[in-house]
Amino acid sequence: MSPRSRLIAHTWEAVYTAEFTLDQVRQRGTMIATTLVERGWGCLVAYDTRFMGNLFARAINADLNTCGVRSRLATSPTPLPAVYHALDRKLSDCALVVTARKRPYYYNGLVLIAPAPGIALITGTSESQFPFAPLIDSSLAPVDQPDLRADYLELLRSAVDLDLIRRVSLTIFVDAMNGTAAGIFPALLGEGGQTRAIEINREPDPLFGKVTPHPGETGLNRLKKLVRESDSHVGLAISADGTALAVVDKSGEQLEPTELALLLGGYLARQYRHRGSLVAPLSAAESALCGAKMTAWEETSGVKAELMINPNARIAELLGQERPGLLLGVSTDGEISIGRMATYPDAILAGLLVAEMIARSGGSLRALIESQRELLK
């Protein structure tokens, strides 16, 4: 297969006031602007819920416009999958997002999403020839602001059987981790159905409750307690940037990333006839999955599983093929990519598919887990 054009994310992250300063951000913005003008590219500017992220984004957008870049600022905090979707729809040539993704609250950063060849997120040795406007300046209020979340919600409605989820009468707790996924599940599932999507940690909090907004690096104690004590069907926790997912069953048990990958990958192959490799991280505790046990799972599911210490490069390779060779990939950072639906990590889409899988099984995630564990014994 010939490789296809893929968007590449370039990241710079730094601690507030130590390195992440307005001067550093704007120097990087104007250096990027020089290359964008040379290539004739437009740019979307977006941000998450981190401290003053909207103001930094507004300043960057103004600076890019001053430098001659066709730049547009998002209307609200936006999940990274929604930014990728906007670029897939050709709303712009690239995007610059003010975010430190899943890093602790005292970080912020920039993510530049652009086609290859990439643009470095570095500062120049000389000062910009354009004077910087004040950080807060009402005269610079942007007038052309795309609603990236609304377009993204339409994508999710077309990708997942929401009617099925609503009919089965599920109770789903969603921990938005004070990030960009807040409000999405209730908006999609609360439209006259029987299923309840109850969000926690949904209020914007620039400090994320002083925990790392990554479901794989926090205990999720509140979510586990609520799911267990309310006899709910499932708990979903989504990282602040919308790329990493954790799943908690009705007993309060948090599934290991590889176990979740096998469950969801098998469902995609069975229900949607998706094909390709399943790629997931292999921890020392999960090394027993190799060999005959994994062969039994592969024969039952019809899916080739590739479990490895560092799956990131393999995921990128399979996503870069003309027809994605990736069924489902989980990175070492817990980001979930579903190759036939998106060429970027999207935990919100994955979480909705988990809910769909549970609804199709009659509401019992535990039964699905036990059936898979029995196969892997």
Protein backbone atom coordinates (compact mmCIF):
# COMPACT_ATOMS: atom_id res chain seq x y z
CA MET A 1 0.00 0.00 0.00
CA SER A 2 1.20 3.51 -0.74
CA PRO A 3 1.42 5.92 2.17
CA ARG A 4 -1.24 8.61 2.41
CA SER A 5 -0.96 12.16 3.67
CA ARG A 6 -1.36 12.35 7.44
CA LEU A 7 -1.55 15.23 9.82
CA ILE A 8 1.36 15.35 12.25
CA ALA A 9 1.17 16.84 15.75
CA HIS A 10 4.18 18.82 16.97
CA THR A 11 4.14 19.62 20.68
CA TRP A 12 5.84 22.13 22.94
CA GLU A 13 4.96 22.01 26.66
CA ALA A 14 6.37 24.03 29.53
CA VAL A 15 5.72 25.04 33.14
CA TYR A 16 3.86 28.29 33.77
CA THR A 17 6.07 31.35 34.33
CA ALA A 18 9.26 29.27 34.18
CA GLU A 19 9.12 28.76 30.40
CA PHE A 20 5.49 29.08 29.37
CA THR A 21 5.22 32.84 29.17
CA LEU A 22 3.39 35.19 26.86
CA ASP A 23 6.69 36.19 25.27
CA GLN A 24 7.67 32.56 24.56
CA VAL A 25 4.24 31.75 23.16
CA ARG A 26 4.14 34.77 20.87
CA GLN A 27 7.69 34.24 19.62
CA ARG A 28 6.72 30.71 18.60
CA GLY A 29 3.53 31.99 17.03
CA THR A 30 5.30 34.54 14.85
CA MET A 31 7.99 32.03 13.82
CA ILE A 32 5.22 29.67 12.73
CA ALA A 33 3.49 32.57 10.94
CA THR A 34 6.55 33.11 8.74
CA THR A 35 6.35 29.55 7.40
CA LEU A 36 2.56 29.69 7.03
CA VAL A 37 2.80 32.84 4.93
CA GLU A 38 5.49 31.23 2.76
CA ARG A 39 3.27 28.20 2.16
CA GLY A 40 0.08 30.22 1.77
CA TRP A 41 -1.59 28.23 4.56
CA GLY A 42 -4.52 29.24 6.72
CA CYS A 43 -4.65 28.26 10.40
CA LEU A 44 -7.27 27.38 13.01
CA VAL A 45 -6.47 28.50 16.55
CA ALA A 46 -8.07 26.51 19.37
CA TYR A 47 -7.59 26.02 23.10
CA ASP A 48 -8.58 23.82 26.03
CA THR A 49 -9.71 24.67 29.56
CA ARG A 50 -6.28 25.43 31.01
CA PHE A 51 -5.50 28.64 32.85
CA MET A 52 -5.93 31.66 30.55
CA GLY A 53 -5.90 29.36 27.51
CA ASN A 54 -8.58 31.40 25.78
CA LEU A 55 -6.59 34.61 26.20
CA PHE A 56 -3.36 33.07 24.93
CA ALA A 57 -5.26 31.70 21.93
CA ARG A 58 -6.85 35.06 21.25
CA ALA A 59 -3.45 36.76 21.34
CA ILE A 60 -1.94 34.15 18.99
CA ASN A 61 -4.84 34.52 16.58
CA ALA A 62 -4.37 38.30 16.51
CA ASP A 63 -0.62 37.94 15.96
CA LEU A 64 -1.08 35.47 13.11
CA ASN A 65 -3.54 37.79 11.40
CA THR A 66 -1.12 40.69 11.85
CA CYS A 67 1.59 38.63 10.15
CA GLY A 68 -0.70 37.99 7.17
CA VAL A 69 -1.96 34.49 8.03
CA ARG A 70 -5.63 33.63 7.42
CA SER A 71 -6.31 32.67 11.02
CA ARG A 72 -9.62 31.79 12.72
CA LEU A 73 -10.23 31.32 16.44
CA ALA A 74 -12.49 28.56 17.82
CA THR A 75 -15.56 29.68 19.76
CA SER A 76 -14.99 27.52 22.86
CA PRO A 77 -12.62 24.98 24.47
CA THR A 78 -12.26 22.22 21.89
CA PRO A 79 -11.21 18.55 22.14
CA LEU A 80 -8.26 17.62 19.94
CA PRO A 81 -10.37 15.08 17.98
CA ALA A 82 -12.70 17.92 16.98
CA VAL A 83 -9.71 19.94 15.72
CA TYR A 84 -8.49 16.97 13.66
CA HIS A 85 -12.02 16.52 12.27
CA ALA A 86 -12.13 20.18 11.23
CA LEU A 87 -8.87 19.75 9.33
CA ASP A 88 -10.19 16.56 7.71
CA ARG A 89 -13.09 18.68 6.45
CA LYS A 90 -10.58 21.18 5.00
CA LEU A 91 -11.75 24.08 7.17
CA SER A 92 -8.12 25.17 7.20
CA ASP A 93 -4.65 23.95 6.29
CA CYS A 94 -3.36 23.49 9.84
CA ALA A 95 -4.24 24.19 13.46
CA LEU A 96 -2.43 25.65 16.45
CA VAL A 97 -3.92 24.59 19.79
CA VAL A 98 -3.08 26.10 23.18
CA THR A 99 -2.92 22.94 25.30
CA ALA A 100 -0.59 20.80 27.35
CA ARG A 101 -2.80 17.82 26.53
CA LYS A 102 -2.77 15.49 29.58
CA ARG A 103 0.07 17.10 31.55
CA PRO A 104 -0.40 18.38 35.15
CA TYR A 105 -2.22 21.66 35.71
CA TYR A 106 0.94 23.74 36.09
CA TYR A 107 1.85 23.09 32.44
CA ASN A 108 0.59 24.65 29.27
CA GLY A 109 1.84 24.41 25.74
CA LEU A 110 1.18 24.48 22.02
CA VAL A 111 0.25 21.68 19.62
CA LEU A 112 0.68 22.40 15.93
CA ILE A 113 -1.27 19.98 13.72
CA ALA A 114 -0.10 20.22 10.12
CA PRO A 115 0.67 18.11 7.05
CA ALA A 116 4.24 17.01 6.46
CA PRO A 117 6.78 18.47 6.15
CA GLY A 118 6.36 19.74 9.66
CA ILE A 119 6.91 23.17 11.15
CA ALA A 120 9.12 23.37 14.21
CA LEU A 121 7.71 24.82 17.43
CA ILE A 122 10.89 26.72 18.26
CA THR A 123 11.66 30.34 18.97
CA GLY A 124 13.81 32.47 16.75
CA THR A 125 16.93 34.38 17.69
CA SER A 126 15.56 37.68 16.49
CA GLU A 127 12.52 39.57 17.64
CA SER A 128 9.39 39.72 15.54
CA GLN A 129 9.14 42.66 13.11
CA PHE A 130 5.48 42.99 14.13
CA PRO A 131 4.61 44.77 17.41
CA PHE A 132 2.67 42.59 19.82
CA ALA A 133 -0.77 43.86 20.79
CA PRO A 134 -1.83 43.77 24.47
CA LEU A 135 -2.91 40.35 25.73
CA ILE A 136 -6.39 41.65 26.54
CA ASP A 137 -7.59 44.12 23.93
CA SER A 138 -11.31 44.44 23.15
CA SER A 139 -10.49 46.00 19.79
CA LEU A 140 -9.06 42.65 18.68
CA ALA A 141 -12.25 40.65 19.20
CA PRO A 142 -12.35 38.00 16.43
CA VAL A 143 -15.35 38.11 14.12
CA ASP A 144 -15.04 34.81 12.19
CA GLN A 145 -15.09 32.05 14.80
CA PRO A 146 -15.83 28.47 13.68
CA ASP A 147 -17.84 26.24 16.03
CA LEU A 148 -15.63 23.14 15.85
CA ARG A 149 -17.59 21.30 18.53
CA ALA A 150 -20.87 21.45 16.58
CA ASP A 151 -19.28 19.89 13.49
CA TYR A 152 -17.66 17.24 15.66
CA LEU A 153 -20.97 16.34 17.31
CA GLU A 154 -22.43 15.71 13.85
CA LEU A 155 -19.55 13.35 13.11
CA LEU A 156 -20.25 11.40 16.31
CA ARG A 157 -23.97 11.18 15.52
CA SER A 158 -23.15 9.60 12.17
CA ALA A 159 -20.54 7.19 13.55
CA VAL A 160 -22.35 5.65 16.54
CA ASP A 161 -25.80 4.06 16.94
CA LEU A 162 -27.06 6.59 19.47
CA ASP A 163 -30.67 5.43 19.12
CA LEU A 164 -29.68 1.96 20.32
CA ILE A 165 -27.88 3.39 23.35
CA ARG A 166 -30.89 5.55 24.26
CA ARG A 167 -33.38 2.67 23.96
CA VAL A 168 -31.61 0.25 26.31
CA SER A 169 -31.94 2.47 29.41
CA LEU A 170 -28.34 2.65 30.60
CA THR A 171 -26.86 4.78 33.35
CA ILE A 172 -23.45 6.07 32.30
CA PHE A 173 -21.21 8.19 34.50
CA VAL A 174 -18.78 10.35 32.53
CA ASP A 175 -15.79 11.99 34.20
CA ALA A 176 -14.90 14.90 31.92
CA MET A 177 -11.86 15.69 34.09
CA ASN A 178 -12.70 19.42 33.85
CA GLY A 179 -11.63 19.30 30.22
CA THR A 180 -12.86 19.75 26.68
CA ALA A 181 -15.17 16.69 26.58
CA ALA A 182 -17.58 18.28 29.06
CA GLY A 183 -21.17 18.42 27.83
CA ILE A 184 -20.72 16.12 24.84
CA PHE A 185 -22.21 12.90 26.22
CA PRO A 186 -25.33 14.58 27.68
CA ALA A 187 -25.81 16.48 24.42
CA LEU A 188 -25.72 13.27 22.39
CA LEU A 189 -27.51 10.85 24.72
CA GLY A 190 -29.95 13.12 26.49
CA GLU A 191 -32.14 13.73 23.47
CA GLY A 192 -35.36 12.04 24.58
CA GLY A 193 -33.97 8.58 25.28
CA GLN A 194 -34.01 6.23 28.24
CA THR A 195 -30.26 6.36 28.89
CA ARG A 196 -28.85 8.80 31.41
CA ALA A 197 -25.39 10.29 30.91
CA ILE A 198 -24.35 11.83 34.22
CA GLU A 199 -21.26 14.01 34.10
CA ILE A 200 -18.89 14.72 36.94
CA ASN A 201 -15.99 17.17 36.97
CA ARG A 202 -17.67 18.95 34.10
CA GLU A 203 -17.13 22.54 35.20
CA PRO A 204 -14.18 24.31 33.56
CA ASP A 205 -11.33 24.30 36.06
CA PRO A 206 -8.00 25.71 34.88
CA LEU A 207 -6.27 23.72 37.65
CA PHE A 208 -8.16 20.43 37.03
CA GLY A 209 -8.73 19.97 40.74
CA LYS A 210 -4.91 19.91 41.04
CA VAL A 211 -4.75 16.40 39.60
CA THR A 212 -3.26 15.33 36.29
CA PRO A 213 -6.15 15.34 33.77
CA HIS A 214 -5.25 11.88 32.46
CA PRO A 215 -7.46 8.90 33.44
CA GLY A 216 -4.47 6.57 33.45
CA GLU A 217 -2.55 8.66 35.99
CA THR A 218 -5.19 9.38 38.61
CA GLY A 219 -7.12 7.03 40.85
CA LEU A 220 -10.60 7.98 39.53
CA ASN A 221 -11.81 7.27 43.07
CA ARG A 222 -14.93 9.42 42.82
CA LEU A 223 -15.98 7.86 39.52
CA LYS A 224 -15.41 4.31 40.81
CA LYS A 225 -17.40 5.01 43.97
CA LEU A 226 -20.33 6.53 42.08
CA VAL A 227 -20.53 3.69 39.55
CA ARG A 228 -20.25 0.99 42.20
CA GLU A 229 -22.68 2.45 44.74
CA SER A 230 -25.31 3.53 42.21
CA ASP A 231 -25.28 0.16 40.42
CA SER A 232 -24.67 1.98 37.14
CA HIS A 233 -23.72 0.22 33.94
CA VAL A 234 -20.36 1.87 33.22
CA GLY A 235 -18.09 4.77 34.06
CA LEU A 236 -16.06 6.55 31.39
CA ALA A 237 -13.20 8.94 32.11
CA ILE A 238 -11.84 11.10 29.29
CA SER A 239 -8.59 13.05 29.40
CA ALA A 240 -8.76 16.84 29.26
CA ASP A 241 -7.74 16.85 25.60
CA GLY A 242 -10.24 14.15 24.55
CA THR A 243 -7.71 11.53 23.43
CA ALA A 244 -7.31 9.01 26.30
CA LEU A 245 -10.06 6.85 27.81
CA ALA A 246 -10.54 4.78 30.96
CA VAL A 247 -13.48 2.44 31.55
CA VAL A 248 -14.87 1.42 34.95
CA ASP A 249 -17.34 -1.45 35.27
CA LYS A 250 -20.27 -1.66 37.71
CA SER A 251 -18.09 -3.26 40.41
CA GLY A 252 -15.77 -0.23 40.34
CA GLU A 253 -12.97 -2.07 38.54
CA GLN A 254 -10.94 -0.06 36.05
CA LEU A 255 -10.07 -2.06 32.96
CA GLU A 256 -6.45 -2.34 31.87
CA PRO A 257 -5.83 -0.57 28.52
CA THR A 258 -5.04 -3.83 26.72
CA GLU A 259 -8.15 -5.56 28.04
CA LEU A 260 -10.26 -2.61 26.89
CA ALA A 261 -8.54 -2.73 23.48
CA LEU A 262 -9.35 -6.42 23.05
CA LEU A 263 -12.99 -5.91 24.05
CA LEU A 264 -13.57 -2.94 21.77
CA GLY A 265 -11.48 -4.32 18.90
CA GLY A 266 -13.40 -7.58 18.96
CA TYR A 267 -16.68 -5.66 18.93
CA LEU A 268 -15.64 -3.54 15.93
CA ALA A 269 -14.66 -6.65 14.00
CA ARG A 270 -17.83 -8.51 14.93
CA GLN A 271 -20.39 -5.74 14.58
CA TYR A 272 -18.89 -3.44 11.95
CA ARG A 273 -16.77 -5.97 10.04
CA HIS A 274 -13.75 -3.74 10.51
CA ARG A 275 -10.47 -5.39 9.57
CA GLY A 276 -6.85 -4.73 10.38
CA SER A 277 -4.44 -5.17 13.26
CA LEU A 278 -5.14 -4.42 16.89
CA VAL A 279 -2.08 -2.76 18.43
CA ALA A 280 -1.81 -2.23 22.18
CA PRO A 281 0.84 -1.84 24.90
CA LEU A 282 2.07 -4.92 26.69
CA SER A 283 2.99 -4.47 30.33
CA ALA A 284 4.94 -7.00 32.37
CA ALA A 285 1.70 -7.98 34.13
CA GLU A 286 0.06 -8.72 30.78
CA SER A 287 2.93 -10.68 29.23
CA ALA A 288 1.01 -13.91 29.86
CA LEU A 289 -1.37 -12.88 27.08
CA CYS A 290 1.27 -13.82 24.52
CA GLY A 291 1.30 -17.25 22.94
CA ALA A 292 -1.53 -19.76 22.90
CA LYS A 293 -3.93 -17.59 24.90
CA MET A 294 -3.67 -14.75 22.42
CA THR A 295 -3.95 -17.18 19.51
CA ALA A 296 -7.30 -18.36 20.87
CA TRP A 297 -8.55 -14.78 21.04
CA GLU A 298 -7.36 -14.07 17.49
CA GLU A 299 -9.07 -17.17 16.12
CA THR A 300 -12.33 -16.30 17.86
CA SER A 301 -12.34 -12.62 16.88
CA GLY A 302 -10.70 -12.91 13.46
CA VAL A 303 -8.38 -10.05 14.43
CA LYS A 304 -4.59 -10.00 14.45
CA ALA A 305 -3.31 -8.62 17.77
CA GLU A 306 0.08 -6.99 18.08
CA LEU A 307 1.01 -6.45 21.73
CA MET A 308 4.31 -4.68 22.29
CA ILE A 309 6.17 -2.60 24.86
CA ASN A 310 5.99 0.56 22.75
CA PRO A 311 3.21 0.42 20.14
CA ASN A 312 3.28 4.09 19.10
CA ALA A 313 5.43 3.75 15.96
CA ARG A 314 3.46 0.73 14.76
CA ILE A 315 0.16 2.60 15.21
CA ALA A 316 1.49 5.54 13.19
CA GLU A 317 2.73 3.20 10.46
CA LEU A 318 -0.63 1.45 10.08
CA LEU A 319 -2.59 4.71 10.15
CA GLY A 320 -0.35 6.07 7.40
CA GLN A 321 -1.31 3.40 4.89
CA GLU A 322 -3.63 4.28 2.02
CA ARG A 323 -6.29 2.03 3.51
CA PRO A 324 -5.61 2.08 7.24
CA GLY A 325 -4.22 -1.26 8.35
CA LEU A 326 -5.16 -0.38 11.92
CA LEU A 327 -8.34 -1.75 13.44
CA LEU A 328 -7.72 -0.20 16.85
CA GLY A 329 -4.61 1.16 18.52
CA VAL A 330 -3.84 2.12 22.11
CA SER A 331 -0.67 4.14 22.65
CA THR A 332 1.58 4.00 25.70
CA ASP A 333 -0.17 7.20 26.80
CA GLY A 334 -3.59 5.54 26.65
CA GLU A 335 -4.74 7.33 23.51
CA ILE A 336 -7.22 5.31 21.43
CA SER A 337 -7.27 5.41 17.63
CA ILE A 338 -9.93 3.62 15.57
CA GLY A 339 -8.39 3.35 12.13
CA ARG A 340 -11.50 2.88 9.99
CA MET A 341 -13.23 5.86 11.59
CA ALA A 342 -10.44 8.35 12.24
CA THR A 343 -6.70 8.68 11.67
CA TYR A 344 -6.20 10.38 15.04
CA PRO A 345 -6.79 9.42 18.68
CA ASP A 346 -10.37 10.00 19.82
CA ALA A 347 -11.41 8.85 23.29
CA ILE A 348 -14.87 10.42 22.99
CA LEU A 349 -15.69 8.30 19.94
CA ALA A 350 -14.20 5.24 21.66
CA GLY A 351 -16.27 5.89 24.80
CA LEU A 352 -19.47 6.12 22.79
CA LEU A 353 -18.61 2.85 21.04
CA VAL A 354 -18.07 1.24 24.45
CA ALA A 355 -21.58 2.41 25.43
CA GLU A 356 -22.94 1.03 22.15
CA MET A 357 -21.19 -2.30 22.79
CA ILE A 358 -22.75 -2.51 26.26
CA ALA A 359 -26.19 -1.60 24.92
CA ARG A 360 -25.96 -4.29 22.26
CA SER A 361 -25.01 -6.85 24.91
CA GLY A 362 -28.13 -6.08 26.94
CA GLY A 363 -26.42 -3.71 29.35
CA SER A 364 -23.87 -6.08 30.88
CA LEU A 365 -20.25 -5.01 30.54
CA ARG A 366 -19.33 -7.51 33.25
CA ALA A 367 -20.59 -10.41 31.12
CA LEU A 368 -18.41 -9.25 28.23
CA ILE A 369 -15.38 -8.96 30.49
CA GLU A 370 -15.85 -12.41 32.03
CA SER A 371 -16.39 -14.03 28.63
CA GLN A 372 -13.15 -12.55 27.31
CA ARG A 373 -11.20 -13.48 30.45
CA GLU A 374 -12.46 -17.04 30.18
CA LEU A 375 -11.15 -17.19 26.62
CA LEU A 376 -7.74 -15.89 27.73
CA LYS A 377 -7.33 -18.32 30.65
